[in-house]
Amino acid sequence: MVEINLLPQELKPKPSLFSGINFKGLDINSIPILKIAMGIGACLVLAQLAISLIWIVSNAELKSSTKKYNEILPEKTVADALKTKVAYINKRSGAIDELIVKRFSWARKMSLLSDCVTPGIWFSELYYDERPVTDKAKTGKPGALIISGYASGAGEQGTALIGKFIKSLQDNKEFYSDMASVDLVSTKSDKVDKQDVMSFRVTCIYK
């Protein structure tokens, strides 16, 4: 009897991976199971020995590194202390240099201010105000040099002397170079040793 499979090719059962192998003649008793088991056991033992050896070597290296670190730890502590001290010295040195520059700058500024003083004017108070100063335009300024003093004479004479002094400040290019404005804040008739004078206050506002 001849059987004909009329199913399409894609629906026909595919041959198994082991379809070409004949297991009928296979003798299970002939397979060396004991040898295979011993081989697997030997591989496992070798793997365990390799892992143990790696652990021993790593542990020895860790102990050696720890010992070396402990040996250099005192030197490292001294080096860190020296590094901190050097950083502190450099910081102080920078602060001192900045202070010297500022003192030189202020000394120069005071010398220029002295050059700007006109006849009939003398100071009673001079200081730097670091607080923001608000001018007439309501704009904040970083600070100002405050000058208080007297002008010989009262009325128009005193006012004219004060105006001349302010113009002298504005005309001195080196003094006025870092100023935004020189403003007359207040004037007041006064007496010094029974002489009529005009007290005034001027703010030199920095840019």
N, C-alpha and C. Protein backbone atom coordinates (compact mmCIF):
# COMPACT_ATOMS: atom_id res chain seq x y z
N MET A 1 0.85 -1.20 0.00
CA MET A 1 0.00 0.00 0.00
C MET A 1 0.89 1.24 0.00
N VAL A 2 0.58 2.13 -0.90
CA VAL A 2 1.39 3.36 -1.04
C VAL A 2 0.62 4.53 -0.44
N GLU A 3 1.30 5.25 0.53
CA GLU A 3 0.67 6.42 1.14
C GLU A 3 1.22 7.68 0.49
N ILE A 4 0.32 8.55 0.14
CA ILE A 4 0.72 9.82 -0.49
C ILE A 4 0.28 10.97 0.41
N ASN A 5 1.26 11.77 0.85
CA ASN A 5 0.98 12.94 1.71
C ASN A 5 0.71 14.14 0.83
N LEU A 6 -0.55 14.55 0.79
CA LEU A 6 -0.94 15.66 -0.08
C LEU A 6 -0.91 17.01 0.63
N LEU A 7 -0.42 17.06 1.87
CA LEU A 7 -0.36 18.34 2.58
C LEU A 7 0.65 19.27 1.93
N PRO A 8 0.41 20.57 2.00
CA PRO A 8 1.42 21.51 1.45
C PRO A 8 2.75 21.35 2.17
N GLN A 9 3.79 21.78 1.55
CA GLN A 9 5.14 21.60 2.07
C GLN A 9 5.32 22.26 3.45
N GLU A 10 4.71 23.47 3.64
CA GLU A 10 4.90 24.17 4.92
C GLU A 10 4.13 23.52 6.05
N LEU A 11 3.14 22.65 5.74
CA LEU A 11 2.36 21.98 6.78
C LEU A 11 2.85 20.57 7.06
N LYS A 12 3.76 20.06 6.26
CA LYS A 12 4.28 18.73 6.48
C LYS A 12 5.15 18.72 7.72
N PRO A 13 5.13 17.68 8.54
CA PRO A 13 5.97 17.61 9.76
C PRO A 13 7.44 17.64 9.39
N LYS A 14 8.17 18.46 10.15
CA LYS A 14 9.60 18.59 9.88
C LYS A 14 10.35 17.47 10.58
N PRO A 15 11.40 16.99 9.97
CA PRO A 15 12.18 15.89 10.58
C PRO A 15 12.85 16.35 11.86
N SER A 16 12.93 15.47 12.89
CA SER A 16 13.55 15.78 14.18
C SER A 16 15.06 15.84 14.03
N LEU A 17 15.69 16.55 14.99
CA LEU A 17 17.15 16.70 14.97
C LEU A 17 17.83 15.34 15.12
N PHE A 18 17.18 14.45 15.84
CA PHE A 18 17.77 13.13 16.07
C PHE A 18 17.13 12.05 15.20
N SER A 19 16.38 12.46 14.14
CA SER A 19 15.67 11.48 13.31
C SER A 19 16.62 10.60 12.53
N GLY A 20 17.81 11.13 12.28
CA GLY A 20 18.77 10.32 11.49
C GLY A 20 19.60 9.41 12.33
N ILE A 21 19.41 9.45 13.68
CA ILE A 21 20.24 8.63 14.57
C ILE A 21 19.45 7.40 14.98
N ASN A 22 20.10 6.26 14.91
CA ASN A 22 19.46 5.00 15.28
C ASN A 22 19.86 4.65 16.70
N PHE A 23 18.91 4.77 17.64
CA PHE A 23 19.17 4.48 19.05
C PHE A 23 18.94 3.01 19.41
N LYS A 24 18.52 2.22 18.45
CA LYS A 24 18.19 0.82 18.75
C LYS A 24 19.43 0.05 19.15
N GLY A 25 20.52 0.40 18.50
CA GLY A 25 21.74 -0.37 18.80
C GLY A 25 22.56 0.24 19.92
N LEU A 26 22.03 1.30 20.57
CA LEU A 26 22.79 1.97 21.63
C LEU A 26 22.70 1.16 22.92
N ASP A 27 23.91 0.86 23.49
CA ASP A 27 23.98 0.09 24.72
C ASP A 27 24.34 1.04 25.87
N ILE A 28 23.38 1.27 26.77
CA ILE A 28 23.58 2.19 27.89
C ILE A 28 24.68 1.69 28.80
N ASN A 29 24.78 0.38 28.92
CA ASN A 29 25.78 -0.19 29.83
C ASN A 29 27.20 0.08 29.37
N SER A 30 27.35 0.37 28.06
CA SER A 30 28.70 0.62 27.54
C SER A 30 29.17 2.05 27.79
N ILE A 31 28.29 2.96 28.27
CA ILE A 31 28.67 4.36 28.54
C ILE A 31 29.45 4.41 29.86
N PRO A 32 30.66 5.02 29.87
CA PRO A 32 31.48 5.07 31.10
C PRO A 32 30.99 6.16 32.05
N ILE A 33 29.87 5.90 32.70
CA ILE A 33 29.26 6.91 33.58
C ILE A 33 30.18 7.27 34.72
N LEU A 34 30.86 6.26 35.28
CA LEU A 34 31.74 6.50 36.43
C LEU A 34 32.89 7.42 36.04
N LYS A 35 33.45 7.17 34.88
CA LYS A 35 34.58 8.01 34.42
C LYS A 35 34.11 9.45 34.18
N ILE A 36 32.93 9.57 33.59
CA ILE A 36 32.41 10.92 33.33
C ILE A 36 32.17 11.66 34.64
N ALA A 37 31.58 10.95 35.62
CA ALA A 37 31.33 11.57 36.92
C ALA A 37 32.63 11.97 37.60
N MET A 38 33.63 11.09 37.51
CA MET A 38 34.93 11.40 38.11
C MET A 38 35.58 12.62 37.43
N GLY A 39 35.41 12.69 36.10
CA GLY A 39 35.97 13.84 35.36
C GLY A 39 35.30 15.15 35.78
N ILE A 40 33.97 15.10 35.90
CA ILE A 40 33.25 16.31 36.33
C ILE A 40 33.67 16.70 37.74
N GLY A 41 33.79 15.67 38.62
CA GLY A 41 34.22 15.96 40.00
C GLY A 41 35.61 16.57 40.05
N ALA A 42 36.50 16.01 39.19
CA ALA A 42 37.87 16.55 39.15
C ALA A 42 37.88 18.00 38.67
N CYS A 43 37.04 18.30 37.68
CA CYS A 43 36.94 19.69 37.18
C CYS A 43 36.45 20.63 38.27
N LEU A 44 35.45 20.16 39.04
CA LEU A 44 34.93 20.98 40.12
C LEU A 44 35.97 21.23 41.20
N VAL A 45 36.75 20.18 41.51
CA VAL A 45 37.81 20.32 42.51
C VAL A 45 38.86 21.31 42.04
N LEU A 46 39.25 21.18 40.76
CA LEU A 46 40.26 22.10 40.20
C LEU A 46 39.75 23.54 40.21
N ALA A 47 38.47 23.71 39.90
CA ALA A 47 37.89 25.06 39.90
C ALA A 47 37.90 25.64 41.31
N GLN A 48 37.53 24.78 42.30
CA GLN A 48 37.53 25.22 43.69
C GLN A 48 38.93 25.60 44.15
N LEU A 49 39.94 24.78 43.74
CA LEU A 49 41.33 25.07 44.09
C LEU A 49 41.79 26.38 43.46
N ALA A 50 41.38 26.61 42.20
CA ALA A 50 41.76 27.86 41.52
C ALA A 50 41.16 29.07 42.22
N ILE A 51 39.88 28.95 42.62
CA ILE A 51 39.22 30.06 43.33
C ILE A 51 39.91 30.31 44.67
N SER A 52 40.25 29.22 45.38
CA SER A 52 40.93 29.36 46.67
C SER A 52 42.28 30.02 46.51
N LEU A 53 43.00 29.61 45.45
CA LEU A 53 44.33 30.20 45.19
C LEU A 53 44.22 31.68 44.89
N ILE A 54 43.22 32.06 44.06
CA ILE A 54 43.01 33.47 43.74
C ILE A 54 42.69 34.27 44.99
N TRP A 55 41.86 33.69 45.89
CA TRP A 55 41.48 34.37 47.13
C TRP A 55 42.70 34.57 48.03
N ILE A 56 43.56 33.52 48.10
CA ILE A 56 44.76 33.61 48.95
C ILE A 56 45.71 34.69 48.43
N VAL A 57 45.92 34.71 47.10
CA VAL A 57 46.81 35.71 46.50
C VAL A 57 46.25 37.12 46.71
N SER A 58 44.93 37.30 46.49
CA SER A 58 44.29 38.62 46.67
C SER A 58 44.39 39.08 48.11
N ASN A 59 44.15 38.16 49.03
CA ASN A 59 44.21 38.51 50.45
C ASN A 59 45.63 38.90 50.85
N ALA A 60 46.62 38.18 50.30
CA ALA A 60 48.02 38.52 50.60
C ALA A 60 48.37 39.90 50.06
N GLU A 61 47.91 40.21 48.82
CA GLU A 61 48.17 41.53 48.25
C GLU A 61 47.48 42.63 49.05
N LEU A 62 46.25 42.36 49.54
CA LEU A 62 45.53 43.34 50.34
C LEU A 62 46.27 43.61 51.65
N LYS A 63 46.77 42.53 52.30
CA LYS A 63 47.52 42.71 53.54
C LYS A 63 48.81 43.48 53.30
N SER A 64 49.46 43.19 52.17
CA SER A 64 50.70 43.90 51.84
C SER A 64 50.43 45.39 51.59
N SER A 65 49.35 45.68 50.84
CA SER A 65 49.01 47.08 50.56
C SER A 65 48.63 47.81 51.84
N THR A 66 47.88 47.12 52.72
CA THR A 66 47.48 47.73 54.00
C THR A 66 48.70 48.03 54.86
N LYS A 67 49.66 47.11 54.87
CA LYS A 67 50.88 47.30 55.64
C LYS A 67 51.67 48.50 55.12
N LYS A 68 51.80 48.60 53.78
CA LYS A 68 52.52 49.73 53.18
C LYS A 68 51.81 51.05 53.48
N TYR A 69 50.47 51.03 53.42
CA TYR A 69 49.71 52.25 53.70
C TYR A 69 49.91 52.69 55.15
N ASN A 70 49.88 51.71 56.07
CA ASN A 70 50.09 52.04 57.48
C ASN A 70 51.49 52.57 57.73
N GLU A 71 52.46 52.10 56.93
CA GLU A 71 53.84 52.57 57.09
C GLU A 71 53.99 54.02 56.65
N ILE A 72 53.27 54.39 55.57
CA ILE A 72 53.41 55.76 55.06
C ILE A 72 52.36 56.71 55.64
N LEU A 73 51.44 56.18 56.48
CA LEU A 73 50.38 57.00 57.03
C LEU A 73 50.91 58.18 57.84
N PRO A 74 51.93 57.99 58.72
CA PRO A 74 52.47 59.15 59.45
C PRO A 74 53.03 60.22 58.52
N GLU A 75 53.73 59.80 57.46
CA GLU A 75 54.27 60.76 56.50
C GLU A 75 53.14 61.48 55.76
N LYS A 76 52.09 60.72 55.44
CA LYS A 76 50.94 61.33 54.76
C LYS A 76 50.26 62.36 55.66
N THR A 77 50.16 62.05 56.95
CA THR A 77 49.55 62.99 57.90
C THR A 77 50.36 64.28 57.97
N VAL A 78 51.70 64.13 58.02
CA VAL A 78 52.58 65.30 58.05
C VAL A 78 52.45 66.10 56.76
N ALA A 79 52.40 65.38 55.62
CA ALA A 79 52.28 66.06 54.33
C ALA A 79 50.96 66.81 54.22
N ASP A 80 49.86 66.19 54.71
CA ASP A 80 48.56 66.86 54.67
C ASP A 80 48.56 68.11 55.55
N ALA A 81 49.22 68.01 56.72
CA ALA A 81 49.30 69.17 57.62
C ALA A 81 50.10 70.30 56.97
N LEU A 82 51.21 69.92 56.30
CA LEU A 82 52.02 70.93 55.61
C LEU A 82 51.25 71.57 54.46
N LYS A 83 50.49 70.73 53.75
CA LYS A 83 49.68 71.25 52.64
C LYS A 83 48.65 72.25 53.14
N THR A 84 48.00 71.91 54.27
CA THR A 84 47.01 72.83 54.85
C THR A 84 47.67 74.12 55.30
N LYS A 85 48.87 74.00 55.89
CA LYS A 85 49.59 75.18 56.37
C LYS A 85 50.01 76.07 55.21
N VAL A 86 50.48 75.44 54.11
CA VAL A 86 50.89 76.21 52.93
C VAL A 86 49.68 76.94 52.34
N ALA A 87 48.53 76.25 52.28
CA ALA A 87 47.32 76.90 51.75
C ALA A 87 46.92 78.09 52.61
N TYR A 88 47.05 77.93 53.93
CA TYR A 88 46.71 79.03 54.85
C TYR A 88 47.67 80.21 54.67
N ILE A 89 48.97 79.88 54.53
CA ILE A 89 49.98 80.94 54.33
C ILE A 89 49.73 81.67 53.02
N ASN A 90 49.41 80.90 51.96
CA ASN A 90 49.14 81.53 50.66
C ASN A 90 47.91 82.43 50.74
N LYS A 91 46.90 81.97 51.50
CA LYS A 91 45.69 82.77 51.65
C LYS A 91 46.00 84.07 52.40
N ARG A 92 46.78 83.95 53.48
CA ARG A 92 47.14 85.15 54.24
C ARG A 92 48.02 86.08 53.41
N SER A 93 48.93 85.46 52.64
CA SER A 93 49.80 86.27 51.79
C SER A 93 49.00 87.06 50.77
N GLY A 94 47.97 86.36 50.18
CA GLY A 94 47.11 87.06 49.21
C GLY A 94 46.34 88.18 49.86
N ALA A 95 45.84 87.92 51.09
CA ALA A 95 45.10 88.96 51.80
C ALA A 95 46.00 90.14 52.14
N ILE A 96 47.24 89.85 52.54
CA ILE A 96 48.19 90.92 52.87
C ILE A 96 48.54 91.74 51.62
N ASP A 97 48.76 91.03 50.50
CA ASP A 97 49.05 91.74 49.24
C ASP A 97 47.89 92.65 48.85
N GLU A 98 46.67 92.12 49.00
CA GLU A 98 45.50 92.92 48.66
C GLU A 98 45.39 94.13 49.59
N LEU A 99 45.68 93.92 50.88
CA LEU A 99 45.62 95.02 51.83
C LEU A 99 46.66 96.08 51.50
N ILE A 100 47.86 95.63 51.10
CA ILE A 100 48.92 96.58 50.74
C ILE A 100 48.50 97.40 49.53
N VAL A 101 47.91 96.71 48.55
CA VAL A 101 47.46 97.42 47.35
C VAL A 101 46.38 98.43 47.71
N LYS A 102 45.44 98.01 48.57
CA LYS A 102 44.37 98.93 48.98
C LYS A 102 44.94 100.13 49.75
N ARG A 103 45.90 99.85 50.64
CA ARG A 103 46.48 100.95 51.41
C ARG A 103 47.23 101.91 50.50
N PHE A 104 47.94 101.34 49.52
CA PHE A 104 48.64 102.21 48.59
C PHE A 104 47.64 103.03 47.78
N SER A 105 46.52 102.38 47.37
CA SER A 105 45.50 103.07 46.60
C SER A 105 44.88 104.20 47.42
N TRP A 106 44.58 103.92 48.70
CA TRP A 106 43.98 104.95 49.55
C TRP A 106 44.98 106.07 49.85
N ALA A 107 46.26 105.69 50.03
CA ALA A 107 47.27 106.72 50.27
C ALA A 107 47.37 107.66 49.07
N ARG A 108 47.31 107.06 47.87
CA ARG A 108 47.35 107.87 46.66
C ARG A 108 46.10 108.74 46.56
N LYS A 109 44.94 108.15 46.91
CA LYS A 109 43.68 108.90 46.84
C LYS A 109 43.69 110.09 47.81
N MET A 110 44.23 109.89 49.02
CA MET A 110 44.29 110.97 50.00
C MET A 110 45.25 112.08 49.54
N SER A 111 46.33 111.66 48.88
CA SER A 111 47.28 112.65 48.36
C SER A 111 46.62 113.50 47.28
N LEU A 112 45.84 112.84 46.40
CA LEU A 112 45.13 113.57 45.35
C LEU A 112 44.07 114.49 45.95
N LEU A 113 43.40 114.00 46.99
CA LEU A 113 42.38 114.81 47.65
C LEU A 113 43.01 116.07 48.26
N SER A 114 44.18 115.88 48.85
CA SER A 114 44.89 117.03 49.43
C SER A 114 45.22 118.07 48.37
N ASP A 115 45.57 117.58 47.17
CA ASP A 115 45.89 118.50 46.07
C ASP A 115 44.65 119.29 45.62
N CYS A 116 43.47 118.72 45.85
CA CYS A 116 42.23 119.34 45.40
C CYS A 116 41.69 120.41 46.36
N VAL A 117 42.25 120.46 47.58
CA VAL A 117 41.75 121.41 48.57
C VAL A 117 42.09 122.84 48.14
N THR A 118 41.08 123.66 48.05
CA THR A 118 41.25 125.06 47.63
C THR A 118 41.36 125.98 48.86
N PRO A 119 41.90 127.18 48.71
CA PRO A 119 42.02 128.11 49.84
C PRO A 119 40.65 128.39 50.48
N GLY A 120 40.64 128.50 51.81
CA GLY A 120 39.41 128.79 52.53
C GLY A 120 38.60 127.57 52.87
N ILE A 121 39.12 126.37 52.60
CA ILE A 121 38.42 125.11 52.88
C ILE A 121 39.26 124.27 53.82
N TRP A 122 38.64 123.70 54.85
CA TRP A 122 39.33 122.70 55.67
C TRP A 122 38.32 121.63 56.10
N PHE A 123 38.89 120.44 56.37
CA PHE A 123 38.04 119.28 56.67
C PHE A 123 37.86 119.11 58.17
N SER A 124 36.68 118.62 58.54
CA SER A 124 36.42 118.24 59.93
C SER A 124 36.23 116.73 60.08
N GLU A 125 35.85 116.06 58.99
CA GLU A 125 35.62 114.62 59.03
C GLU A 125 35.79 114.04 57.63
N LEU A 126 36.38 112.83 57.57
CA LEU A 126 36.59 112.18 56.29
C LEU A 126 36.51 110.67 56.52
N TYR A 127 35.61 109.99 55.79
CA TYR A 127 35.52 108.53 55.94
C TYR A 127 34.89 107.94 54.68
N TYR A 128 35.03 106.60 54.58
CA TYR A 128 34.45 105.87 53.45
C TYR A 128 33.24 105.10 53.93
N ASP A 129 32.12 105.30 53.26
CA ASP A 129 30.88 104.61 53.60
C ASP A 129 30.71 103.43 52.64
N GLU A 130 30.82 102.20 53.17
CA GLU A 130 30.71 101.02 52.32
C GLU A 130 29.27 100.66 52.00
N ARG A 131 28.33 101.20 52.74
CA ARG A 131 26.93 100.89 52.48
C ARG A 131 26.47 101.53 51.17
N PRO A 132 25.52 100.89 50.47
CA PRO A 132 25.01 101.50 49.24
C PRO A 132 24.45 102.89 49.50
N VAL A 133 24.81 103.80 48.64
CA VAL A 133 24.34 105.18 48.76
C VAL A 133 23.35 105.43 47.63
N THR A 134 22.22 106.05 47.95
CA THR A 134 21.21 106.35 46.93
C THR A 134 21.30 107.82 46.55
N ASP A 135 21.56 108.04 45.27
CA ASP A 135 21.68 109.43 44.81
C ASP A 135 20.30 109.99 44.44
N LYS A 136 20.30 111.18 43.85
CA LYS A 136 19.03 111.85 43.53
C LYS A 136 18.21 111.08 42.51
N ALA A 137 18.90 110.29 41.66
CA ALA A 137 18.19 109.52 40.63
C ALA A 137 17.68 108.18 41.17
N LYS A 138 17.86 107.97 42.49
CA LYS A 138 17.39 106.75 43.15
C LYS A 138 18.08 105.50 42.63
N THR A 139 19.33 105.61 42.23
CA THR A 139 20.09 104.45 41.76
C THR A 139 21.08 104.06 42.84
N GLY A 140 21.23 102.77 43.09
CA GLY A 140 22.14 102.31 44.14
C GLY A 140 23.59 102.46 43.72
N LYS A 141 24.45 102.89 44.62
CA LYS A 141 25.88 103.03 44.37
C LYS A 141 26.65 102.13 45.34
N PRO A 142 27.84 101.68 44.95
CA PRO A 142 28.57 100.74 45.81
C PRO A 142 29.18 101.36 47.04
N GLY A 143 29.30 102.64 47.12
CA GLY A 143 29.90 103.28 48.29
C GLY A 143 30.32 104.70 47.95
N ALA A 144 30.75 105.43 48.98
CA ALA A 144 31.10 106.82 48.74
C ALA A 144 32.13 107.30 49.75
N LEU A 145 32.95 108.25 49.32
CA LEU A 145 33.88 108.93 50.21
C LEU A 145 33.15 110.16 50.75
N ILE A 146 32.99 110.22 52.06
CA ILE A 146 32.23 111.30 52.69
C ILE A 146 33.21 112.35 53.23
N ILE A 147 33.02 113.58 52.79
CA ILE A 147 33.88 114.69 53.22
C ILE A 147 33.01 115.74 53.92
N SER A 148 33.34 116.03 55.17
CA SER A 148 32.67 117.10 55.91
C SER A 148 33.72 118.15 56.27
N GLY A 149 33.31 119.43 56.21
CA GLY A 149 34.28 120.47 56.53
C GLY A 149 33.64 121.84 56.61
N TYR A 150 34.49 122.87 56.54
CA TYR A 150 34.03 124.25 56.66
C TYR A 150 34.64 125.09 55.54
N ALA A 151 33.91 126.15 55.20
CA ALA A 151 34.40 127.15 54.26
C ALA A 151 34.42 128.50 54.98
N SER A 152 35.50 129.24 54.81
CA SER A 152 35.60 130.56 55.46
C SER A 152 34.55 131.50 54.89
N GLY A 153 33.84 132.16 55.80
CA GLY A 153 32.81 133.10 55.35
C GLY A 153 31.45 132.43 55.31
N ALA A 154 30.43 133.26 55.31
CA ALA A 154 29.06 132.75 55.30
C ALA A 154 28.35 133.25 54.06
N GLY A 155 27.15 132.77 53.86
CA GLY A 155 26.34 133.24 52.73
C GLY A 155 26.96 132.88 51.40
N GLU A 156 26.92 133.83 50.46
CA GLU A 156 27.39 133.59 49.10
C GLU A 156 28.89 133.33 49.06
N GLN A 157 29.62 133.98 49.97
CA GLN A 157 31.07 133.78 49.98
C GLN A 157 31.41 132.33 50.31
N GLY A 158 30.79 131.80 51.37
CA GLY A 158 31.03 130.40 51.75
C GLY A 158 30.56 129.45 50.66
N THR A 159 29.40 129.71 50.08
CA THR A 159 28.87 128.85 49.01
C THR A 159 29.80 128.83 47.82
N ALA A 160 30.37 130.00 47.46
CA ALA A 160 31.28 130.07 46.33
C ALA A 160 32.55 129.26 46.59
N LEU A 161 33.07 129.30 47.81
CA LEU A 161 34.27 128.54 48.16
C LEU A 161 34.00 127.02 48.07
N ILE A 162 32.83 126.63 48.55
CA ILE A 162 32.47 125.21 48.48
C ILE A 162 32.33 124.76 47.02
N GLY A 163 31.70 125.60 46.20
CA GLY A 163 31.55 125.27 44.78
C GLY A 163 32.90 125.16 44.08
N LYS A 164 33.84 126.01 44.45
CA LYS A 164 35.18 125.98 43.87
C LYS A 164 35.90 124.69 44.26
N PHE A 165 35.71 124.27 45.50
CA PHE A 165 36.33 123.03 45.97
C PHE A 165 35.77 121.82 45.23
N ILE A 166 34.44 121.78 45.05
CA ILE A 166 33.81 120.66 44.32
C ILE A 166 34.30 120.62 42.88
N LYS A 167 34.43 121.77 42.25
CA LYS A 167 34.93 121.82 40.87
C LYS A 167 36.37 121.33 40.79
N SER A 168 37.16 121.64 41.85
CA SER A 168 38.53 121.16 41.89
C SER A 168 38.59 119.64 41.95
N LEU A 169 37.67 119.03 42.70
CA LEU A 169 37.59 117.56 42.76
C LEU A 169 37.23 116.97 41.40
N GLN A 170 36.29 117.60 40.72
CA GLN A 170 35.84 117.09 39.42
C GLN A 170 36.87 117.29 38.33
N ASP A 171 37.66 118.36 38.44
CA ASP A 171 38.66 118.66 37.41
C ASP A 171 39.93 117.82 37.55
N ASN A 172 40.15 117.24 38.73
CA ASN A 172 41.33 116.39 38.92
C ASN A 172 41.03 115.01 38.31
N LYS A 173 41.53 114.77 37.11
CA LYS A 173 41.17 113.56 36.36
C LYS A 173 41.55 112.28 37.09
N GLU A 174 42.72 112.27 37.73
CA GLU A 174 43.16 111.05 38.42
C GLU A 174 42.28 110.77 39.63
N PHE A 175 41.92 111.78 40.39
CA PHE A 175 41.06 111.59 41.55
C PHE A 175 39.65 111.19 41.11
N TYR A 176 39.16 111.82 40.05
CA TYR A 176 37.76 111.65 39.64
C TYR A 176 37.56 110.43 38.73
N SER A 177 38.67 109.75 38.35
CA SER A 177 38.58 108.68 37.35
C SER A 177 37.66 107.53 37.76
N ASP A 178 37.60 107.20 39.05
CA ASP A 178 36.74 106.10 39.50
C ASP A 178 35.50 106.59 40.23
N MET A 179 35.16 107.85 40.03
CA MET A 179 33.97 108.43 40.65
C MET A 179 32.82 108.52 39.65
N ALA A 180 31.61 108.32 40.17
CA ALA A 180 30.43 108.52 39.35
C ALA A 180 29.96 109.97 39.43
N SER A 181 30.11 110.56 40.63
CA SER A 181 29.70 111.95 40.80
C SER A 181 30.25 112.48 42.12
N VAL A 182 30.32 113.81 42.22
CA VAL A 182 30.66 114.49 43.47
C VAL A 182 29.47 115.39 43.78
N ASP A 183 28.78 115.08 44.87
CA ASP A 183 27.53 115.77 45.18
C ASP A 183 27.64 116.55 46.49
N LEU A 184 27.09 117.76 46.45
CA LEU A 184 26.97 118.56 47.68
C LEU A 184 25.69 118.13 48.39
N VAL A 185 25.84 117.54 49.57
CA VAL A 185 24.69 116.99 50.29
C VAL A 185 24.01 118.07 51.13
N SER A 186 24.82 118.87 51.84
CA SER A 186 24.22 119.86 52.72
C SER A 186 25.19 121.01 53.00
N THR A 187 24.62 122.17 53.30
CA THR A 187 25.40 123.33 53.76
C THR A 187 24.64 123.98 54.91
N LYS A 188 25.41 124.65 55.79
CA LYS A 188 24.76 125.27 56.95
C LYS A 188 25.65 126.38 57.49
N SER A 189 25.06 127.52 57.76
CA SER A 189 25.81 128.62 58.38
C SER A 189 26.18 128.23 59.80
N ASP A 190 27.43 128.56 60.18
CA ASP A 190 27.91 128.14 61.49
C ASP A 190 28.96 129.14 61.97
N LYS A 191 29.48 128.92 63.16
CA LYS A 191 30.53 129.77 63.71
C LYS A 191 31.64 128.90 64.27
N VAL A 192 32.87 129.25 64.00
CA VAL A 192 34.05 128.58 64.55
C VAL A 192 34.95 129.67 65.12
N ASP A 193 35.20 129.60 66.44
CA ASP A 193 35.98 130.65 67.12
C ASP A 193 35.41 132.04 66.82
N LYS A 194 34.08 132.12 66.89
CA LYS A 194 33.34 133.38 66.71
C LYS A 194 33.45 133.94 65.28
N GLN A 195 33.92 133.12 64.36
CA GLN A 195 33.98 133.52 62.95
C GLN A 195 32.83 132.88 62.19
N ASP A 196 32.25 133.64 61.27
CA ASP A 196 31.17 133.11 60.45
C ASP A 196 31.77 132.15 59.41
N VAL A 197 31.26 130.95 59.39
CA VAL A 197 31.72 129.93 58.43
C VAL A 197 30.50 129.23 57.83
N MET A 198 30.77 128.42 56.83
CA MET A 198 29.72 127.61 56.21
C MET A 198 30.15 126.14 56.29
N SER A 199 29.43 125.36 57.07
CA SER A 199 29.73 123.92 57.13
C SER A 199 29.12 123.24 55.91
N PHE A 200 29.76 122.17 55.47
CA PHE A 200 29.27 121.47 54.27
C PHE A 200 29.54 119.97 54.40
N ARG A 201 28.84 119.22 53.57
CA ARG A 201 29.07 117.78 53.47
C ARG A 201 29.00 117.38 51.99
N VAL A 202 30.04 116.72 51.53
CA VAL A 202 30.15 116.31 50.11
C VAL A 202 30.32 114.81 50.06
N THR A 203 29.62 114.16 49.13
CA THR A 203 29.80 112.72 48.89
C THR A 203 30.42 112.50 47.52
N CYS A 204 31.54 111.79 47.52
CA CYS A 204 32.20 111.41 46.26
C CYS A 204 31.80 109.96 46.00
N ILE A 205 30.83 109.76 45.13
CA ILE A 205 30.24 108.43 44.92
C ILE A 205 31.05 107.66 43.88
N TYR A 206 31.43 106.44 44.25
CA TYR A 206 32.22 105.60 43.36
C TYR A 206 31.33 104.96 42.29
N LYS A 207 31.98 104.62 41.18
CA LYS A 207 31.25 103.97 40.08
C LYS A 207 30.86 102.55 40.47
